[in-house]
Amino acid sequence: MVAKTKKRSGLRKFLILTAILLGYAVFVILKFGLKDGLLATALTWAFFVTCTPIADAGFIVDFPIRLVTGFKMFYSEIIVWVIAGLIIAGSFIFKNDIFEKLALFKLFKTILIHPWPLWSVIVVSCVGTFMSLHIGDQIYTIVEEHKHRKKIRKLRYQRLALELLLFGFVVGMYFVLLHLTGIKIAE
């Protein structure tokens, strides 16, 4: 029963994230055209992979792989980060002007071209993502085995605490980024 609930919850989260990504893709394709719209969607996904301390962008790939193959999400996330890196590098090399199309991309470019202190956002996001997935994989394995409810609860609280702490740090770093770049958020 616990395993079915966990799988349903994971499936629901996956479907919601996929729907958001597809809705966003339709929006940017209508705004920028097919070619730039697809690149903007991929670059946005790469931003969320590399600059948020939770695995939601990678979850679109990681969770189905775990369900179908049993391959741990921690390891598939390594592949996700490589793909995100290739998207970022390709955008810089072949379509650098894409970074001027959206405010999010301007911030992303600022992070990427200013290693200190802004790469700390990427480092913290990487650590947070992989720690979160490590704990998530442990929970998933325990749920599949239908035992250790207390351990599951403890791991969930650890994951939540870690994600909140890292998310707070990343938000703080974004405020530093906004200050350093002189970008004002409309009031």
C-alpha atoms as a PDB file:
ATOM      1  CA  MET A   1       0.000   0.000   0.000  1.00  0.00           C
ATOM      2  CA  VAL A   2       2.816   2.427   0.902  1.00  0.00           C
ATOM      3  CA  ALA A   3       4.666   1.573  -2.320  1.00  0.00           C
ATOM      4  CA  LYS A   4       1.557   2.269  -4.426  1.00  0.00           C
ATOM      5  CA  THR A   5       1.010   5.607  -2.662  1.00  0.00           C
ATOM      6  CA  LYS A   6       4.647   6.606  -3.217  1.00  0.00           C
ATOM      7  CA  LYS A   7       4.495   5.625  -6.894  1.00  0.00           C
ATOM      8  CA  ARG A   8       1.225   7.540  -7.389  1.00  0.00           C
ATOM      9  CA  SER A   9       2.681  10.602  -5.690  1.00  0.00           C
ATOM     10  CA  GLY A  10       5.801  10.393  -7.833  1.00  0.00           C
ATOM     11  CA  LEU A  11       3.743   9.847 -10.975  1.00  0.00           C
ATOM     12  CA  ARG A  12       1.544  12.836 -10.130  1.00  0.00           C
ATOM     13  CA  LYS A  13       4.605  15.040  -9.589  1.00  0.00           C
ATOM     14  CA  PHE A  14       6.123  13.806 -12.849  1.00  0.00           C
ATOM     15  CA  LEU A  15       2.926  14.529 -14.798  1.00  0.00           C
ATOM     16  CA  ILE A  16       2.604  18.016 -13.301  1.00  0.00           C
ATOM     17  CA  LEU A  17       6.231  18.895 -14.092  1.00  0.00           C
ATOM     18  CA  THR A  18       5.908  17.505 -17.610  1.00  0.00           C
ATOM     19  CA  ALA A  19       2.702  19.495 -18.190  1.00  0.00           C
ATOM     20  CA  ILE A  20       4.408  22.686 -16.973  1.00  0.00           C
ATOM     21  CA  LEU A  21       7.386  22.064 -19.264  1.00  0.00           C
ATOM     22  CA  LEU A  22       5.152  21.351 -22.264  1.00  0.00           C
ATOM     23  CA  GLY A  23       2.982  24.410 -21.554  1.00  0.00           C
ATOM     24  CA  TYR A  24       6.092  26.559 -21.305  1.00  0.00           C
ATOM     25  CA  ALA A  25       7.436  25.044 -24.538  1.00  0.00           C
ATOM     26  CA  VAL A  26       4.227  25.935 -26.387  1.00  0.00           C
ATOM     27  CA  PHE A  27       4.380  29.490 -24.994  1.00  0.00           C
ATOM     28  CA  VAL A  28       8.003  30.153 -26.015  1.00  0.00           C
ATOM     29  CA  ILE A  29       7.560  28.472 -29.401  1.00  0.00           C
ATOM     30  CA  LEU A  30       4.634  30.799 -30.103  1.00  0.00           C
ATOM     31  CA  LYS A  31       6.698  33.762 -28.879  1.00  0.00           C
ATOM     32  CA  PHE A  32      10.079  33.023 -30.543  1.00  0.00           C
ATOM     33  CA  GLY A  33       9.306  30.542 -33.316  1.00  0.00           C
ATOM     34  CA  LEU A  34       9.972  26.827 -33.437  1.00  0.00           C
ATOM     35  CA  LYS A  35      13.785  26.782 -33.505  1.00  0.00           C
ATOM     36  CA  ASP A  36      14.422  29.464 -30.859  1.00  0.00           C
ATOM     37  CA  GLY A  37      11.424  28.277 -28.837  1.00  0.00           C
ATOM     38  CA  LEU A  38      12.770  24.742 -28.559  1.00  0.00           C
ATOM     39  CA  LEU A  39      16.213  26.063 -27.633  1.00  0.00           C
ATOM     40  CA  ALA A  40      14.663  28.419 -25.062  1.00  0.00           C
ATOM     41  CA  THR A  41      12.765  25.483 -23.545  1.00  0.00           C
ATOM     42  CA  ALA A  42      15.923  23.363 -23.390  1.00  0.00           C
ATOM     43  CA  LEU A  43      17.950  26.250 -21.933  1.00  0.00           C
ATOM     44  CA  THR A  44      15.271  26.939 -19.311  1.00  0.00           C
ATOM     45  CA  TRP A  45      15.350  23.264 -18.360  1.00  0.00           C
ATOM     46  CA  ALA A  46      19.172  23.430 -18.165  1.00  0.00           C
ATOM     47  CA  PHE A  47      18.871  26.496 -15.909  1.00  0.00           C
ATOM     48  CA  PHE A  48      16.590  24.649 -13.504  1.00  0.00           C
ATOM     49  CA  VAL A  49      18.867  21.604 -13.566  1.00  0.00           C
ATOM     50  CA  THR A  50      21.992  23.615 -12.719  1.00  0.00           C
ATOM     51  CA  CYS A  51      20.672  26.518 -10.646  1.00  0.00           C
ATOM     52  CA  THR A  52      18.088  25.058  -8.270  1.00  0.00           C
ATOM     53  CA  PRO A  53      19.037  22.819  -5.325  1.00  0.00           C
ATOM     54  CA  ILE A  54      16.241  20.324  -5.945  1.00  0.00           C
ATOM     55  CA  ALA A  55      15.917  17.717  -8.658  1.00  0.00           C
ATOM     56  CA  ASP A  56      12.639  18.844 -10.202  1.00  0.00           C
ATOM     57  CA  ALA A  57      14.055  19.571 -13.670  1.00  0.00           C
ATOM     58  CA  GLY A  58      15.961  16.301 -13.669  1.00  0.00           C
ATOM     59  CA  PHE A  59      12.986  14.507 -12.127  1.00  0.00           C
ATOM     60  CA  ILE A  60      11.281  14.634 -15.531  1.00  0.00           C
ATOM     61  CA  VAL A  61      14.000  12.227 -16.708  1.00  0.00           C
ATOM     62  CA  ASP A  62      15.074  10.494 -13.470  1.00  0.00           C
ATOM     63  CA  PHE A  63      11.729   9.229 -12.202  1.00  0.00           C
ATOM     64  CA  PRO A  64      10.551   7.401 -15.348  1.00  0.00           C
ATOM     65  CA  ILE A  65      13.983   5.791 -15.690  1.00  0.00           C
ATOM     66  CA  ARG A  66      13.777   4.590 -12.064  1.00  0.00           C
ATOM     67  CA  LEU A  67      10.260   3.218 -12.559  1.00  0.00           C
ATOM     68  CA  VAL A  68      11.008   1.422 -15.816  1.00  0.00           C
ATOM     69  CA  THR A  69      14.570   0.193 -15.286  1.00  0.00           C
ATOM     70  CA  GLY A  70      15.195   0.428 -11.543  1.00  0.00           C
ATOM     71  CA  PHE A  71      18.279   2.568 -12.316  1.00  0.00           C
ATOM     72  CA  LYS A  72      18.896   4.857  -9.347  1.00  0.00           C
ATOM     73  CA  MET A  73      17.861   8.479  -9.844  1.00  0.00           C
ATOM     74  CA  PHE A  74      21.198   9.615  -8.408  1.00  0.00           C
ATOM     75  CA  TYR A  75      23.035   8.080 -11.376  1.00  0.00           C
ATOM     76  CA  SER A  76      20.591   9.178 -14.059  1.00  0.00           C
ATOM     77  CA  GLU A  77      20.927  12.728 -12.692  1.00  0.00           C
ATOM     78  CA  ILE A  78      24.620  12.629 -13.640  1.00  0.00           C
ATOM     79  CA  ILE A  79      23.508  12.100 -17.237  1.00  0.00           C
ATOM     80  CA  VAL A  80      20.967  14.919 -16.827  1.00  0.00           C
ATOM     81  CA  TRP A  81      23.746  17.300 -15.707  1.00  0.00           C
ATOM     82  CA  VAL A  82      25.915  16.304 -18.674  1.00  0.00           C
ATOM     83  CA  ILE A  83      23.024  16.966 -21.076  1.00  0.00           C
ATOM     84  CA  ALA A  84      22.312  20.319 -19.380  1.00  0.00           C
ATOM     85  CA  GLY A  85      25.997  21.221 -19.706  1.00  0.00           C
ATOM     86  CA  LEU A  86      25.945  20.366 -23.412  1.00  0.00           C
ATOM     87  CA  ILE A  87      22.832  22.513 -23.932  1.00  0.00           C
ATOM     88  CA  ILE A  88      24.493  25.426 -22.135  1.00  0.00           C
ATOM     89  CA  ALA A  89      27.781  25.053 -24.032  1.00  0.00           C
ATOM     90  CA  GLY A  90      25.985  24.679 -27.356  1.00  0.00           C
ATOM     91  CA  SER A  91      23.924  27.778 -26.647  1.00  0.00           C
ATOM     92  CA  PHE A  92      27.056  29.781 -25.828  1.00  0.00           C
ATOM     93  CA  ILE A  93      28.905  28.597 -28.925  1.00  0.00           C
ATOM     94  CA  PHE A  94      26.186  28.484 -31.578  1.00  0.00           C
ATOM     95  CA  LYS A  95      23.342  30.747 -30.409  1.00  0.00           C
ATOM     96  CA  ASN A  96      24.709  33.191 -27.833  1.00  0.00           C
ATOM     97  CA  ASP A  97      22.008  35.759 -28.625  1.00  0.00           C
ATOM     98  CA  ILE A  98      19.424  33.442 -27.015  1.00  0.00           C
ATOM     99  CA  PHE A  99      20.706  34.701 -23.657  1.00  0.00           C
ATOM    100  CA  GLU A 100      19.286  38.160 -24.458  1.00  0.00           C
ATOM    101  CA  LYS A 101      15.735  36.971 -25.154  1.00  0.00           C
ATOM    102  CA  LEU A 102      14.506  36.498 -21.572  1.00  0.00           C
ATOM    103  CA  ALA A 103      15.402  38.047 -18.216  1.00  0.00           C
ATOM    104  CA  LEU A 104      15.935  34.530 -16.841  1.00  0.00           C
ATOM    105  CA  PHE A 105      18.548  33.873 -19.518  1.00  0.00           C
ATOM    106  CA  LYS A 106      20.303  37.172 -18.785  1.00  0.00           C
ATOM    107  CA  LEU A 107      20.578  36.124 -15.134  1.00  0.00           C
ATOM    108  CA  PHE A 108      21.742  32.673 -16.187  1.00  0.00           C
ATOM    109  CA  LYS A 109      24.434  34.128 -18.448  1.00  0.00           C
ATOM    110  CA  THR A 110      25.567  36.413 -15.625  1.00  0.00           C
ATOM    111  CA  ILE A 111      25.935  33.395 -13.342  1.00  0.00           C
ATOM    112  CA  LEU A 112      27.841  31.471 -15.994  1.00  0.00           C
ATOM    113  CA  ILE A 113      30.334  34.203 -16.915  1.00  0.00           C
ATOM    114  CA  HIS A 114      31.115  35.292 -13.326  1.00  0.00           C
ATOM    115  CA  PRO A 115      32.680  32.295 -11.594  1.00  0.00           C
ATOM    116  CA  TRP A 116      33.180  34.074  -8.291  1.00  0.00           C
ATOM    117  CA  PRO A 117      30.932  34.246  -6.324  1.00  0.00           C
ATOM    118  CA  LEU A 118      28.091  33.235  -8.608  1.00  0.00           C
ATOM    119  CA  TRP A 119      29.167  29.691  -9.428  1.00  0.00           C
ATOM    120  CA  SER A 120      28.454  28.955  -5.777  1.00  0.00           C
ATOM    121  CA  VAL A 121      24.793  28.901  -6.864  1.00  0.00           C
ATOM    122  CA  ILE A 122      25.621  26.034  -9.234  1.00  0.00           C
ATOM    123  CA  VAL A 123      27.795  24.233  -6.671  1.00  0.00           C
ATOM    124  CA  VAL A 124      25.133  24.443  -3.951  1.00  0.00           C
ATOM    125  CA  SER A 125      22.471  23.409  -6.450  1.00  0.00           C
ATOM    126  CA  CYS A 126      24.554  20.410  -7.493  1.00  0.00           C
ATOM    127  CA  VAL A 127      25.162  19.334  -3.897  1.00  0.00           C
ATOM    128  CA  GLY A 128      21.510  19.852  -2.964  1.00  0.00           C
ATOM    129  CA  THR A 129      20.219  17.993  -5.988  1.00  0.00           C
ATOM    130  CA  PHE A 130      22.441  14.967  -5.514  1.00  0.00           C
ATOM    131  CA  MET A 131      21.937  14.795  -1.739  1.00  0.00           C
ATOM    132  CA  SER A 132      18.195  15.066  -2.264  1.00  0.00           C
ATOM    133  CA  LEU A 133      18.266  12.300  -4.869  1.00  0.00           C
ATOM    134  CA  HIS A 134      20.443  10.100  -2.659  1.00  0.00           C
ATOM    135  CA  ILE A 135      17.879  10.385   0.127  1.00  0.00           C
ATOM    136  CA  GLY A 136      15.033   9.976  -2.395  1.00  0.00           C
ATOM    137  CA  ASP A 137      16.606   6.789  -3.743  1.00  0.00           C
ATOM    138  CA  GLN A 138      16.898   5.451  -0.182  1.00  0.00           C
ATOM    139  CA  ILE A 139      13.230   6.216   0.475  1.00  0.00           C
ATOM    140  CA  TYR A 140      12.183   4.623  -2.816  1.00  0.00           C
ATOM    141  CA  THR A 141      14.181   1.460  -2.083  1.00  0.00           C
ATOM    142  CA  ILE A 142      12.744   1.174   1.428  1.00  0.00           C
ATOM    143  CA  VAL A 143       9.203   1.741   0.136  1.00  0.00           C
ATOM    144  CA  GLU A 144       9.704  -0.967  -2.483  1.00  0.00           C
ATOM    145  CA  GLU A 145      10.680  -3.336   0.320  1.00  0.00           C
ATOM    146  CA  HIS A 146       7.538  -2.369   2.329  1.00  0.00           C
ATOM    147  CA  LYS A 147       9.294  -1.829   5.646  1.00  0.00           C
ATOM    148  CA  HIS A 148      10.886   0.678   7.985  1.00  0.00           C
ATOM    149  CA  ARG A 149       8.167   3.337   8.203  1.00  0.00           C
ATOM    150  CA  LYS A 150      10.045   5.228  10.936  1.00  0.00           C
ATOM    151  CA  LYS A 151      13.176   5.323   8.799  1.00  0.00           C
ATOM    152  CA  ILE A 152      11.160   6.594   5.830  1.00  0.00           C
ATOM    153  CA  ARG A 153       9.683   9.396   7.937  1.00  0.00           C
ATOM    154  CA  LYS A 154      13.140  10.344   9.257  1.00  0.00           C
ATOM    155  CA  LEU A 155      14.626  10.382   5.750  1.00  0.00           C
ATOM    156  CA  ARG A 156      11.764  12.526   4.454  1.00  0.00           C
ATOM    157  CA  TYR A 157      12.343  15.083   7.216  1.00  0.00           C
ATOM    158  CA  GLN A 158      16.093  15.070   6.511  1.00  0.00           C
ATOM    159  CA  ARG A 159      15.429  15.645   2.828  1.00  0.00           C
ATOM    160  CA  LEU A 160      12.961  18.450   3.517  1.00  0.00           C
ATOM    161  CA  ALA A 161      15.330  20.170   5.959  1.00  0.00           C
ATOM    162  CA  LEU A 162      18.231  19.891   3.524  1.00  0.00           C
ATOM    163  CA  GLU A 163      16.185  21.203   0.607  1.00  0.00           C
ATOM    164  CA  LEU A 164      14.856  24.150   2.628  1.00  0.00           C
ATOM    165  CA  LEU A 165      18.338  25.082   3.829  1.00  0.00           C
ATOM    166  CA  LEU A 166      19.885  24.888   0.375  1.00  0.00           C
ATOM    167  CA  PHE A 167      16.931  26.631  -1.246  1.00  0.00           C
ATOM    168  CA  GLY A 168      17.308  29.506   1.242  1.00  0.00           C
ATOM    169  CA  PHE A 169      21.004  29.785   0.417  1.00  0.00           C
ATOM    170  CA  VAL A 170      20.331  29.835  -3.326  1.00  0.00           C
ATOM    171  CA  VAL A 171      17.642  32.503  -2.913  1.00  0.00           C
ATOM    172  CA  GLY A 172      20.170  34.565  -0.956  1.00  0.00           C
ATOM    173  CA  MET A 173      22.716  34.109  -3.741  1.00  0.00           C
ATOM    174  CA  TYR A 174      20.135  35.273  -6.277  1.00  0.00           C
ATOM    175  CA  PHE A 175      19.705  38.481  -4.282  1.00  0.00           C
ATOM    176  CA  VAL A 176      23.496  38.921  -4.413  1.00  0.00           C
ATOM    177  CA  LEU A 177      23.313  38.298  -8.162  1.00  0.00           C
ATOM    178  CA  LEU A 178      20.579  40.901  -8.609  1.00  0.00           C
ATOM    179  CA  HIS A 179      22.577  43.407  -6.571  1.00  0.00           C
ATOM    180  CA  LEU A 180      25.810  42.750  -8.488  1.00  0.00           C
ATOM    181  CA  THR A 181      24.093  43.073 -11.848  1.00  0.00           C
ATOM    182  CA  GLY A 182      22.002  46.092 -10.861  1.00  0.00           C
ATOM    183  CA  ILE A 183      18.807  44.360 -11.949  1.00  0.00           C
ATOM    184  CA  LYS A 184      15.696  45.707 -10.222  1.00  0.00           C
ATOM    185  CA  ILE A 185      12.611  43.578  -9.751  1.00  0.00           C
ATOM    186  CA  ALA A 186       9.445  45.541 -10.535  1.00  0.00           C
ATOM    187  CA  GLU A 187       7.521  46.458  -7.426  1.00  0.00           C
END
